[in-house]
Amino acid sequence: MKPPTPVMVLELFPEIRAELLALLSSLTPEEWARPTSCAGWCVKDIAQHLLAGDIGILSRRRDAFTPPGKPIESWSDLVALINRLNETWTAAAQRMSPRVLCDLLAWTGPQVEEYFASLDPHAKGVPVDWASAEPAPVWLDLAREYTERWHHQQQIRDAVDRPGLKQRRFFAPVLEAFVHALPRTYRDVPAAEGTIVQLTITGAAGSDWFLMRKGAAWNLYVEGAPPAAARVTLDAEDAWRLFTKGLRKEDAQARAVIMGETALAEKMLDTIAIIG
């Protein structure tokens, strides 16, 4: 069986930033204020959130600046901190005009990309918490950052009725990154040694992925698997929305094709590849 290859996205960051800035610069005041699928946030709130992410990367990681605060000791601590920071930042950023916001995104983006380019993609980096509590390879951390930018931009595009970035070169890396959340989703699911669960995502950006039970863990593979005990087939559009909490499990279950051991397959629909 073949494990997945690294999801290399470095060259996509300038392109997705340019797409975002072109989109934002085209918006009317009414469109900036439109609600999005991100509960409680309008288009401007999401753009402000993306700016906050850039500032955090430059301050915390590039500049090794540690703000005051209690240490993070659990998953719930991390979620609570992120939600609190999002709330306070969103309130403070209301004073920014759309033009200032776009200017700041144009200023932070290249610096973030320069920092990302300075990293060894195969070195150990920070944990990607929705995949594992252990330090992740840098390439997976960068893929996580790419998915964050892609899915928030998609939420904006949905809100203002603009076409999404669904070309395979933009979309496939998102799905390839998200499936690294699957072993964590199944971590407490018992099964016989060698049990296979298959995820098929349809569409031009989709593919097949396999989880195999080995010892006390589930490992991710992309090909060469024996027949699966359970299989889930999802449309690519449903998959990314499910993994980012934009589609309820019940709705995904109604749209998915589930074969084999039902309980084992349906666990796939609990997968979340964001924090919050």
C-alpha atoms as a PDB file:
ATOM      1  CA  MET A   1       0.000   0.000   0.000  1.00  0.00           C
ATOM      2  CA  LYS A   2       1.143   3.520  -0.804  1.00  0.00           C
ATOM      3  CA  PRO A   3       0.967   6.398   1.697  1.00  0.00           C
ATOM      4  CA  PRO A   4      -0.023   9.844   0.417  1.00  0.00           C
ATOM      5  CA  THR A   5       2.693  12.098  -0.938  1.00  0.00           C
ATOM      6  CA  PRO A   6       3.277  15.512   0.680  1.00  0.00           C
ATOM      7  CA  VAL A   7       0.800  18.215  -0.298  1.00  0.00           C
ATOM      8  CA  MET A   8       3.067  20.942  -1.673  1.00  0.00           C
ATOM      9  CA  VAL A   9       1.261  24.276  -1.955  1.00  0.00           C
ATOM     10  CA  LEU A  10       3.923  26.967  -1.637  1.00  0.00           C
ATOM     11  CA  GLU A  11       3.525  28.278  -5.185  1.00  0.00           C
ATOM     12  CA  LEU A  12      -0.257  28.610  -4.747  1.00  0.00           C
ATOM     13  CA  PHE A  13      -0.187  31.205  -1.961  1.00  0.00           C
ATOM     14  CA  PRO A  14       0.571  34.233  -4.202  1.00  0.00           C
ATOM     15  CA  GLU A  15      -2.090  33.112  -6.665  1.00  0.00           C
ATOM     16  CA  ILE A  16      -4.821  32.615  -4.102  1.00  0.00           C
ATOM     17  CA  ARG A  17      -3.922  35.955  -2.501  1.00  0.00           C
ATOM     18  CA  ALA A  18      -4.182  37.708  -5.873  1.00  0.00           C
ATOM     19  CA  GLU A  19      -7.573  36.078  -6.422  1.00  0.00           C
ATOM     20  CA  LEU A  20      -8.732  37.253  -2.997  1.00  0.00           C
ATOM     21  CA  LEU A  21      -7.597  40.845  -3.506  1.00  0.00           C
ATOM     22  CA  ALA A  22      -9.185  40.995  -6.956  1.00  0.00           C
ATOM     23  CA  LEU A  23     -12.420  39.683  -5.470  1.00  0.00           C
ATOM     24  CA  LEU A  24     -12.448  42.085  -2.525  1.00  0.00           C
ATOM     25  CA  SER A  25     -11.627  45.084  -4.696  1.00  0.00           C
ATOM     26  CA  SER A  26     -14.711  44.356  -6.807  1.00  0.00           C
ATOM     27  CA  LEU A  27     -17.198  44.333  -3.927  1.00  0.00           C
ATOM     28  CA  THR A  28     -19.879  46.929  -3.335  1.00  0.00           C
ATOM     29  CA  PRO A  29     -20.633  48.212   0.187  1.00  0.00           C
ATOM     30  CA  GLU A  30     -23.712  45.988   0.226  1.00  0.00           C
ATOM     31  CA  GLU A  31     -21.631  42.926  -0.682  1.00  0.00           C
ATOM     32  CA  TRP A  32     -19.076  43.640   2.058  1.00  0.00           C
ATOM     33  CA  ALA A  33     -21.928  43.444   4.560  1.00  0.00           C
ATOM     34  CA  ARG A  34     -23.533  40.243   3.270  1.00  0.00           C
ATOM     35  CA  PRO A  35     -23.867  37.352   5.717  1.00  0.00           C
ATOM     36  CA  THR A  36     -21.836  34.218   5.050  1.00  0.00           C
ATOM     37  CA  SER A  37     -22.105  30.553   5.933  1.00  0.00           C
ATOM     38  CA  CYS A  38     -19.677  31.245   8.791  1.00  0.00           C
ATOM     39  CA  ALA A  39     -22.248  31.855  11.521  1.00  0.00           C
ATOM     40  CA  GLY A  40     -22.415  35.452  12.684  1.00  0.00           C
ATOM     41  CA  TRP A  41     -19.802  36.721  10.239  1.00  0.00           C
ATOM     42  CA  CYS A  42     -20.312  38.901   7.189  1.00  0.00           C
ATOM     43  CA  VAL A  43     -17.937  39.103   4.222  1.00  0.00           C
ATOM     44  CA  LYS A  44     -15.842  41.818   5.870  1.00  0.00           C
ATOM     45  CA  ASP A  45     -15.522  39.763   9.059  1.00  0.00           C
ATOM     46  CA  ILE A  46     -14.035  36.847   7.119  1.00  0.00           C
ATOM     47  CA  ALA A  47     -11.574  39.124   5.310  1.00  0.00           C
ATOM     48  CA  GLN A  48     -10.577  40.571   8.693  1.00  0.00           C
ATOM     49  CA  HIS A  49     -10.082  37.035  10.005  1.00  0.00           C
ATOM     50  CA  LEU A  50      -7.697  36.281   7.132  1.00  0.00           C
ATOM     51  CA  LEU A  51      -5.712  39.403   8.001  1.00  0.00           C
ATOM     52  CA  ALA A  52      -5.561  38.299  11.636  1.00  0.00           C
ATOM     53  CA  GLY A  53      -4.131  34.971  10.491  1.00  0.00           C
ATOM     54  CA  ASP A  54      -1.364  36.703   8.553  1.00  0.00           C
ATOM     55  CA  ILE A  55      -0.497  38.963  11.482  1.00  0.00           C
ATOM     56  CA  GLY A  56      -0.419  35.987  13.827  1.00  0.00           C
ATOM     57  CA  ILE A  57       1.961  34.030  11.602  1.00  0.00           C
ATOM     58  CA  LEU A  58       4.335  36.961  11.213  1.00  0.00           C
ATOM     59  CA  SER A  59       4.288  37.862  14.904  1.00  0.00           C
ATOM     60  CA  ARG A  60       4.150  34.488  16.598  1.00  0.00           C
ATOM     61  CA  ARG A  61       6.144  32.340  14.218  1.00  0.00           C
ATOM     62  CA  ARG A  62       8.407  34.512  12.097  1.00  0.00           C
ATOM     63  CA  ASP A  63       9.245  36.936  14.912  1.00  0.00           C
ATOM     64  CA  ALA A  64       8.924  34.405  17.782  1.00  0.00           C
ATOM     65  CA  PHE A  65       6.745  36.850  19.732  1.00  0.00           C
ATOM     66  CA  THR A  66       4.833  35.274  22.612  1.00  0.00           C
ATOM     67  CA  PRO A  67       1.823  37.270  23.785  1.00  0.00           C
ATOM     68  CA  PRO A  68       0.802  37.026  27.442  1.00  0.00           C
ATOM     69  CA  GLY A  69      -1.760  34.436  28.396  1.00  0.00           C
ATOM     70  CA  LYS A  70      -2.351  31.071  30.017  1.00  0.00           C
ATOM     71  CA  PRO A  71      -0.616  28.020  28.504  1.00  0.00           C
ATOM     72  CA  ILE A  72      -2.664  25.727  26.269  1.00  0.00           C
ATOM     73  CA  GLU A  73      -3.091  22.380  28.010  1.00  0.00           C
ATOM     74  CA  SER A  74      -5.945  20.728  26.127  1.00  0.00           C
ATOM     75  CA  TRP A  75      -7.967  20.710  22.915  1.00  0.00           C
ATOM     76  CA  SER A  76     -10.773  22.600  24.663  1.00  0.00           C
ATOM     77  CA  ASP A  77      -8.278  25.249  25.825  1.00  0.00           C
ATOM     78  CA  LEU A  78      -7.142  25.723  22.227  1.00  0.00           C
ATOM     79  CA  VAL A  79     -10.680  26.001  20.858  1.00  0.00           C
ATOM     80  CA  ALA A  80     -11.660  28.462  23.596  1.00  0.00           C
ATOM     81  CA  LEU A  81      -8.599  30.621  22.930  1.00  0.00           C
ATOM     82  CA  ILE A  82      -9.183  30.728  19.177  1.00  0.00           C
ATOM     83  CA  ASN A  83     -12.854  31.584  19.619  1.00  0.00           C
ATOM     84  CA  ARG A  84     -11.996  34.337  22.107  1.00  0.00           C
ATOM     85  CA  LEU A  85      -9.318  35.826  19.842  1.00  0.00           C
ATOM     86  CA  ASN A  86     -11.673  35.709  16.863  1.00  0.00           C
ATOM     87  CA  GLU A  87     -14.354  37.536  18.833  1.00  0.00           C
ATOM     88  CA  THR A  88     -12.094  40.311  20.143  1.00  0.00           C
ATOM     89  CA  TRP A  89     -10.341  40.807  16.796  1.00  0.00           C
ATOM     90  CA  THR A  90     -13.601  40.948  14.862  1.00  0.00           C
ATOM     91  CA  ALA A  91     -14.941  43.613  17.216  1.00  0.00           C
ATOM     92  CA  ALA A  92     -11.771  45.710  17.058  1.00  0.00           C
ATOM     93  CA  ALA A  93     -11.446  45.446  13.267  1.00  0.00           C
ATOM     94  CA  GLN A  94     -14.869  46.990  12.691  1.00  0.00           C
ATOM     95  CA  ARG A  95     -13.087  50.353  12.640  1.00  0.00           C
ATOM     96  CA  MET A  96     -11.157  49.369   9.507  1.00  0.00           C
ATOM     97  CA  SER A  97     -12.487  50.434   6.136  1.00  0.00           C
ATOM     98  CA  PRO A  98     -12.561  47.897   3.303  1.00  0.00           C
ATOM     99  CA  ARG A  99      -9.802  49.843   1.552  1.00  0.00           C
ATOM    100  CA  VAL A 100      -7.531  49.756   4.602  1.00  0.00           C
ATOM    101  CA  LEU A 101      -8.283  46.055   5.029  1.00  0.00           C
ATOM    102  CA  CYS A 102      -7.312  45.309   1.421  1.00  0.00           C
ATOM    103  CA  ASP A 103      -4.145  47.405   1.727  1.00  0.00           C
ATOM    104  CA  LEU A 104      -3.121  45.492   4.843  1.00  0.00           C
ATOM    105  CA  LEU A 105      -3.788  42.115   3.209  1.00  0.00           C
ATOM    106  CA  ALA A 106      -1.641  43.204   0.258  1.00  0.00           C
ATOM    107  CA  TRP A 107       1.114  44.153   2.731  1.00  0.00           C
ATOM    108  CA  THR A 108       1.061  41.059   4.969  1.00  0.00           C
ATOM    109  CA  GLY A 109       0.581  38.466   2.225  1.00  0.00           C
ATOM    110  CA  PRO A 110       4.013  38.699   0.561  1.00  0.00           C
ATOM    111  CA  GLN A 111       5.727  38.671   3.959  1.00  0.00           C
ATOM    112  CA  VAL A 112       3.873  35.527   4.981  1.00  0.00           C
ATOM    113  CA  GLU A 113       4.790  33.901   1.673  1.00  0.00           C
ATOM    114  CA  GLU A 114       8.442  34.881   2.126  1.00  0.00           C
ATOM    115  CA  TYR A 115       8.413  33.322   5.589  1.00  0.00           C
ATOM    116  CA  PHE A 116       6.792  30.127   4.305  1.00  0.00           C
ATOM    117  CA  ALA A 117       9.413  29.889   1.546  1.00  0.00           C
ATOM    118  CA  SER A 118      12.197  30.066   4.154  1.00  0.00           C
ATOM    119  CA  LEU A 119      11.026  26.848   5.836  1.00  0.00           C
ATOM    120  CA  ASP A 120      12.183  23.305   5.134  1.00  0.00           C
ATOM    121  CA  PRO A 121       8.936  21.587   4.090  1.00  0.00           C
ATOM    122  CA  HIS A 122      10.154  18.208   5.342  1.00  0.00           C
ATOM    123  CA  ALA A 123      11.279  19.389   8.788  1.00  0.00           C
ATOM    124  CA  LYS A 124       9.097  18.920  11.846  1.00  0.00           C
ATOM    125  CA  GLY A 125       6.960  21.938  12.614  1.00  0.00           C
ATOM    126  CA  VAL A 126       4.010  22.776  14.830  1.00  0.00           C
ATOM    127  CA  PRO A 127       1.112  20.364  15.301  1.00  0.00           C
ATOM    128  CA  VAL A 128      -1.775  20.467  12.864  1.00  0.00           C
ATOM    129  CA  ASP A 129      -4.252  19.990  15.661  1.00  0.00           C
ATOM    130  CA  TRP A 130      -7.136  18.572  13.643  1.00  0.00           C
ATOM    131  CA  ALA A 131      -4.773  15.876  12.319  1.00  0.00           C
ATOM    132  CA  SER A 132      -2.675  15.056  15.385  1.00  0.00           C
ATOM    133  CA  ALA A 133      -1.367  16.493  18.633  1.00  0.00           C
ATOM    134  CA  GLU A 134       2.155  15.566  17.529  1.00  0.00           C
ATOM    135  CA  PRO A 135       4.450  17.945  15.603  1.00  0.00           C
ATOM    136  CA  ALA A 136       3.589  17.776  11.912  1.00  0.00           C
ATOM    137  CA  PRO A 137       5.891  18.092   8.911  1.00  0.00           C
ATOM    138  CA  VAL A 138       6.056  21.686   7.740  1.00  0.00           C
ATOM    139  CA  TRP A 139       4.447  20.799   4.412  1.00  0.00           C
ATOM    140  CA  LEU A 140       1.274  19.697   6.249  1.00  0.00           C
ATOM    141  CA  ASP A 141       1.221  22.891   8.296  1.00  0.00           C
ATOM    142  CA  LEU A 142       1.512  24.924   5.091  1.00  0.00           C
ATOM    143  CA  ALA A 143      -1.224  22.824   3.499  1.00  0.00           C
ATOM    144  CA  ARG A 144      -3.395  23.593   6.528  1.00  0.00           C
ATOM    145  CA  GLU A 145      -2.709  27.317   6.028  1.00  0.00           C
ATOM    146  CA  TYR A 146      -3.647  26.971   2.368  1.00  0.00           C
ATOM    147  CA  THR A 147      -6.950  25.270   3.215  1.00  0.00           C
ATOM    148  CA  GLU A 148      -7.726  28.063   5.664  1.00  0.00           C
ATOM    149  CA  ARG A 149      -7.291  30.683   2.952  1.00  0.00           C
ATOM    150  CA  TRP A 150      -9.100  28.672   0.307  1.00  0.00           C
ATOM    151  CA  HIS A 151     -12.186  27.780   2.310  1.00  0.00           C
ATOM    152  CA  HIS A 152     -12.662  31.263   3.763  1.00  0.00           C
ATOM    153  CA  GLN A 153     -12.324  32.784   0.315  1.00  0.00           C
ATOM    154  CA  GLN A 154     -14.899  30.274  -0.899  1.00  0.00           C
ATOM    155  CA  GLN A 155     -17.278  31.387   1.853  1.00  0.00           C
ATOM    156  CA  ILE A 156     -16.912  34.958   0.598  1.00  0.00           C
ATOM    157  CA  ARG A 157     -17.445  33.873  -3.011  1.00  0.00           C
ATOM    158  CA  ASP A 158     -20.586  31.988  -2.048  1.00  0.00           C
ATOM    159  CA  ALA A 159     -21.958  35.008  -0.201  1.00  0.00           C
ATOM    160  CA  VAL A 160     -21.454  37.402  -3.124  1.00  0.00           C
ATOM    161  CA  ASP A 161     -22.380  34.933  -5.880  1.00  0.00           C
ATOM    162  CA  ARG A 162     -18.942  34.749  -7.487  1.00  0.00           C
ATOM    163  CA  PRO A 163     -17.495  31.551  -9.015  1.00  0.00           C
ATOM    164  CA  GLY A 164     -15.326  29.532  -6.652  1.00  0.00           C
ATOM    165  CA  LEU A 165     -11.720  28.496  -7.124  1.00  0.00           C
ATOM    166  CA  LYS A 166     -12.726  24.981  -8.131  1.00  0.00           C
ATOM    167  CA  GLN A 167     -10.047  24.333 -10.736  1.00  0.00           C
ATOM    168  CA  ARG A 168      -8.216  21.119  -9.864  1.00  0.00           C
ATOM    169  CA  ARG A 169      -4.916  22.896  -9.164  1.00  0.00           C
ATOM    170  CA  PHE A 170      -6.588  25.009  -6.458  1.00  0.00           C
ATOM    171  CA  PHE A 171      -9.152  22.516  -5.134  1.00  0.00           C
ATOM    172  CA  ALA A 172      -7.341  19.160  -5.104  1.00  0.00           C
ATOM    173  CA  PRO A 173      -4.706  20.260  -2.524  1.00  0.00           C
ATOM    174  CA  VAL A 174      -7.535  21.280  -0.185  1.00  0.00           C
ATOM    175  CA  LEU A 175      -9.056  17.798  -0.252  1.00  0.00           C
ATOM    176  CA  GLU A 176      -5.625  16.141  -0.094  1.00  0.00           C
ATOM    177  CA  ALA A 177      -4.870  18.111   3.065  1.00  0.00           C
ATOM    178  CA  PHE A 178      -8.260  17.585   4.684  1.00  0.00           C
ATOM    179  CA  VAL A 179      -8.060  13.788   4.508  1.00  0.00           C
ATOM    180  CA  HIS A 180      -5.109  13.897   6.914  1.00  0.00           C
ATOM    181  CA  ALA A 181      -7.798  14.466   9.550  1.00  0.00           C
ATOM    182  CA  LEU A 182      -9.185  10.952   8.987  1.00  0.00           C
ATOM    183  CA  PRO A 183      -6.802   9.006  11.272  1.00  0.00           C
ATOM    184  CA  ARG A 184      -7.693  11.339  14.146  1.00  0.00           C
ATOM    185  CA  THR A 185     -11.405  10.939  13.427  1.00  0.00           C
ATOM    186  CA  TYR A 186     -11.067   7.160  13.738  1.00  0.00           C
ATOM    187  CA  ARG A 187      -8.521   7.109  16.568  1.00  0.00           C
ATOM    188  CA  ASP A 188     -10.962   5.657  19.120  1.00  0.00           C
ATOM    189  CA  VAL A 189     -12.762   3.324  16.700  1.00  0.00           C
ATOM    190  CA  PRO A 190     -11.887  -0.342  17.367  1.00  0.00           C
ATOM    191  CA  ALA A 191     -11.500  -2.739  14.455  1.00  0.00           C
ATOM    192  CA  ALA A 192      -9.706  -5.926  13.544  1.00  0.00           C
ATOM    193  CA  GLU A 193      -6.133  -5.676  12.307  1.00  0.00           C
ATOM    194  CA  GLY A 194      -6.054  -4.836   8.602  1.00  0.00           C
ATOM    195  CA  THR A 195      -9.600  -3.452   8.413  1.00  0.00           C
ATOM    196  CA  ILE A 196      -9.971  -0.978   5.534  1.00  0.00           C
ATOM    197  CA  VAL A 197     -12.281   2.039   5.315  1.00  0.00           C
ATOM    198  CA  GLN A 198     -12.392   3.796   1.943  1.00  0.00           C
ATOM    199  CA  LEU A 199     -13.293   7.405   1.168  1.00  0.00           C
ATOM    200  CA  THR A 200     -14.067   8.267  -2.442  1.00  0.00           C
ATOM    201  CA  ILE A 201     -14.482  11.939  -3.314  1.00  0.00           C
ATOM    202  CA  THR A 202     -15.944  12.396  -6.774  1.00  0.00           C
ATOM    203  CA  GLY A 203     -15.284  15.187  -9.240  1.00  0.00           C
ATOM    204  CA  ALA A 204     -12.202  16.439 -11.058  1.00  0.00           C
ATOM    205  CA  ALA A 205     -10.427  17.329  -7.797  1.00  0.00           C
ATOM    206  CA  GLY A 206     -11.365  14.114  -6.004  1.00  0.00           C
ATOM    207  CA  SER A 207      -9.667  10.777  -5.495  1.00  0.00           C
ATOM    208  CA  ASP A 208      -9.715   7.653  -3.311  1.00  0.00           C
ATOM    209  CA  TRP A 209      -8.195   7.354   0.153  1.00  0.00           C
ATOM    210  CA  PHE A 210      -7.968   4.375   2.471  1.00  0.00           C
ATOM    211  CA  LEU A 211      -7.645   3.988   6.228  1.00  0.00           C
ATOM    212  CA  MET A 212      -6.113   0.740   7.467  1.00  0.00           C
ATOM    213  CA  ARG A 213      -6.165  -0.432  11.057  1.00  0.00           C
ATOM    214  CA  LYS A 214      -2.582  -1.279  12.084  1.00  0.00           C
ATOM    215  CA  GLY A 215      -1.929  -2.021  15.728  1.00  0.00           C
ATOM    216  CA  ALA A 216      -3.612   0.660  17.825  1.00  0.00           C
ATOM    217  CA  ALA A 217      -3.809   3.237  15.024  1.00  0.00           C
ATOM    218  CA  TRP A 218      -5.408   3.949  11.676  1.00  0.00           C
ATOM    219  CA  ASN A 219      -3.021   4.824   8.839  1.00  0.00           C
ATOM    220  CA  LEU A 220      -3.821   6.730   5.645  1.00  0.00           C
ATOM    221  CA  TYR A 221      -3.064   5.362   2.167  1.00  0.00           C
ATOM    222  CA  VAL A 222      -3.889   6.341  -1.396  1.00  0.00           C
ATOM    223  CA  GLU A 223      -3.686   3.100  -3.372  1.00  0.00           C
ATOM    224  CA  GLY A 224      -2.995  -0.597  -3.259  1.00  0.00           C
ATOM    225  CA  ALA A 225      -5.575  -1.390  -0.595  1.00  0.00           C
ATOM    226  CA  PRO A 226      -7.452  -4.694  -0.344  1.00  0.00           C
ATOM    227  CA  PRO A 227     -11.273  -4.611  -0.445  1.00  0.00           C
ATOM    228  CA  ALA A 228     -12.767  -2.202   2.086  1.00  0.00           C
ATOM    229  CA  ALA A 229     -15.036  -3.223   4.945  1.00  0.00           C
ATOM    230  CA  ALA A 230     -16.770   0.145   4.620  1.00  0.00           C
ATOM    231  CA  ARG A 231     -16.865   2.781   1.918  1.00  0.00           C
ATOM    232  CA  VAL A 232     -18.131   6.358   1.775  1.00  0.00           C
ATOM    233  CA  THR A 233     -18.559   8.260  -1.493  1.00  0.00           C
ATOM    234  CA  LEU A 234     -18.985  12.027  -1.316  1.00  0.00           C
ATOM    235  CA  ASP A 235     -19.215  14.743  -3.933  1.00  0.00           C
ATOM    236  CA  ALA A 236     -16.237  17.125  -3.678  1.00  0.00           C
ATOM    237  CA  GLU A 237     -18.525  20.054  -2.908  1.00  0.00           C
ATOM    238  CA  ASP A 238     -20.161  18.198  -0.036  1.00  0.00           C
ATOM    239  CA  ALA A 239     -16.794  16.950   1.230  1.00  0.00           C
ATOM    240  CA  TRP A 240     -15.125  20.320   1.729  1.00  0.00           C
ATOM    241  CA  ARG A 241     -18.237  21.796   3.302  1.00  0.00           C
ATOM    242  CA  LEU A 242     -18.601  18.836   5.662  1.00  0.00           C
ATOM    243  CA  PHE A 243     -14.959  19.008   6.742  1.00  0.00           C
ATOM    244  CA  THR A 244     -15.251  22.753   7.488  1.00  0.00           C
ATOM    245  CA  LYS A 245     -18.576  22.504   9.369  1.00  0.00           C
ATOM    246  CA  GLY A 246     -20.499  24.054   6.494  1.00  0.00           C
ATOM    247  CA  LEU A 247     -22.651  20.942   5.990  1.00  0.00           C
ATOM    248  CA  ARG A 248     -24.387  19.100   8.802  1.00  0.00           C
ATOM    249  CA  LYS A 249     -23.569  15.441   9.278  1.00  0.00           C
ATOM    250  CA  GLU A 250     -27.238  14.541   8.771  1.00  0.00           C
ATOM    251  CA  ASP A 251     -27.321  16.322   5.412  1.00  0.00           C
ATOM    252  CA  ALA A 252     -24.025  14.782   4.310  1.00  0.00           C
ATOM    253  CA  GLN A 253     -25.338  11.358   5.304  1.00  0.00           C
ATOM    254  CA  ALA A 254     -28.396  11.848   3.109  1.00  0.00           C
ATOM    255  CA  ARG A 255     -26.223  12.753   0.111  1.00  0.00           C
ATOM    256  CA  ALA A 256     -23.394  10.258   0.595  1.00  0.00           C
ATOM    257  CA  VAL A 257     -23.279   6.735  -0.797  1.00  0.00           C
ATOM    258  CA  ILE A 258     -22.448   4.382   2.073  1.00  0.00           C
ATOM    259  CA  MET A 259     -21.522   0.735   1.556  1.00  0.00           C
ATOM    260  CA  GLY A 260     -20.403  -2.052   3.855  1.00  0.00           C
ATOM    261  CA  GLU A 261     -20.355  -1.750   7.645  1.00  0.00           C
ATOM    262  CA  THR A 262     -22.629   1.223   8.242  1.00  0.00           C
ATOM    263  CA  ALA A 263     -21.315   2.357  11.633  1.00  0.00           C
ATOM    264  CA  LEU A 264     -17.717   2.178  10.445  1.00  0.00           C
ATOM    265  CA  ALA A 265     -18.513   4.140   7.302  1.00  0.00           C
ATOM    266  CA  GLU A 266     -20.632   6.803   8.978  1.00  0.00           C
ATOM    267  CA  LYS A 267     -17.804   7.703  11.353  1.00  0.00           C
ATOM    268  CA  MET A 268     -16.182   9.308   8.291  1.00  0.00           C
ATOM    269  CA  LEU A 269     -18.875  11.987   8.431  1.00  0.00           C
ATOM    270  CA  ASP A 270     -17.578  13.182  11.824  1.00  0.00           C
ATOM    271  CA  THR A 271     -14.376  14.435  10.207  1.00  0.00           C
ATOM    272  CA  ILE A 272     -13.552  18.088  10.923  1.00  0.00           C
ATOM    273  CA  ALA A 273     -10.480  19.776   9.435  1.00  0.00           C
ATOM    274  CA  ILE A 274     -10.735  23.149  11.156  1.00  0.00           C
ATOM    275  CA  ILE A 275     -10.600  24.310  14.775  1.00  0.00           C
ATOM    276  CA  GLY A 276     -13.548  26.059  16.356  1.00  0.00           C
END
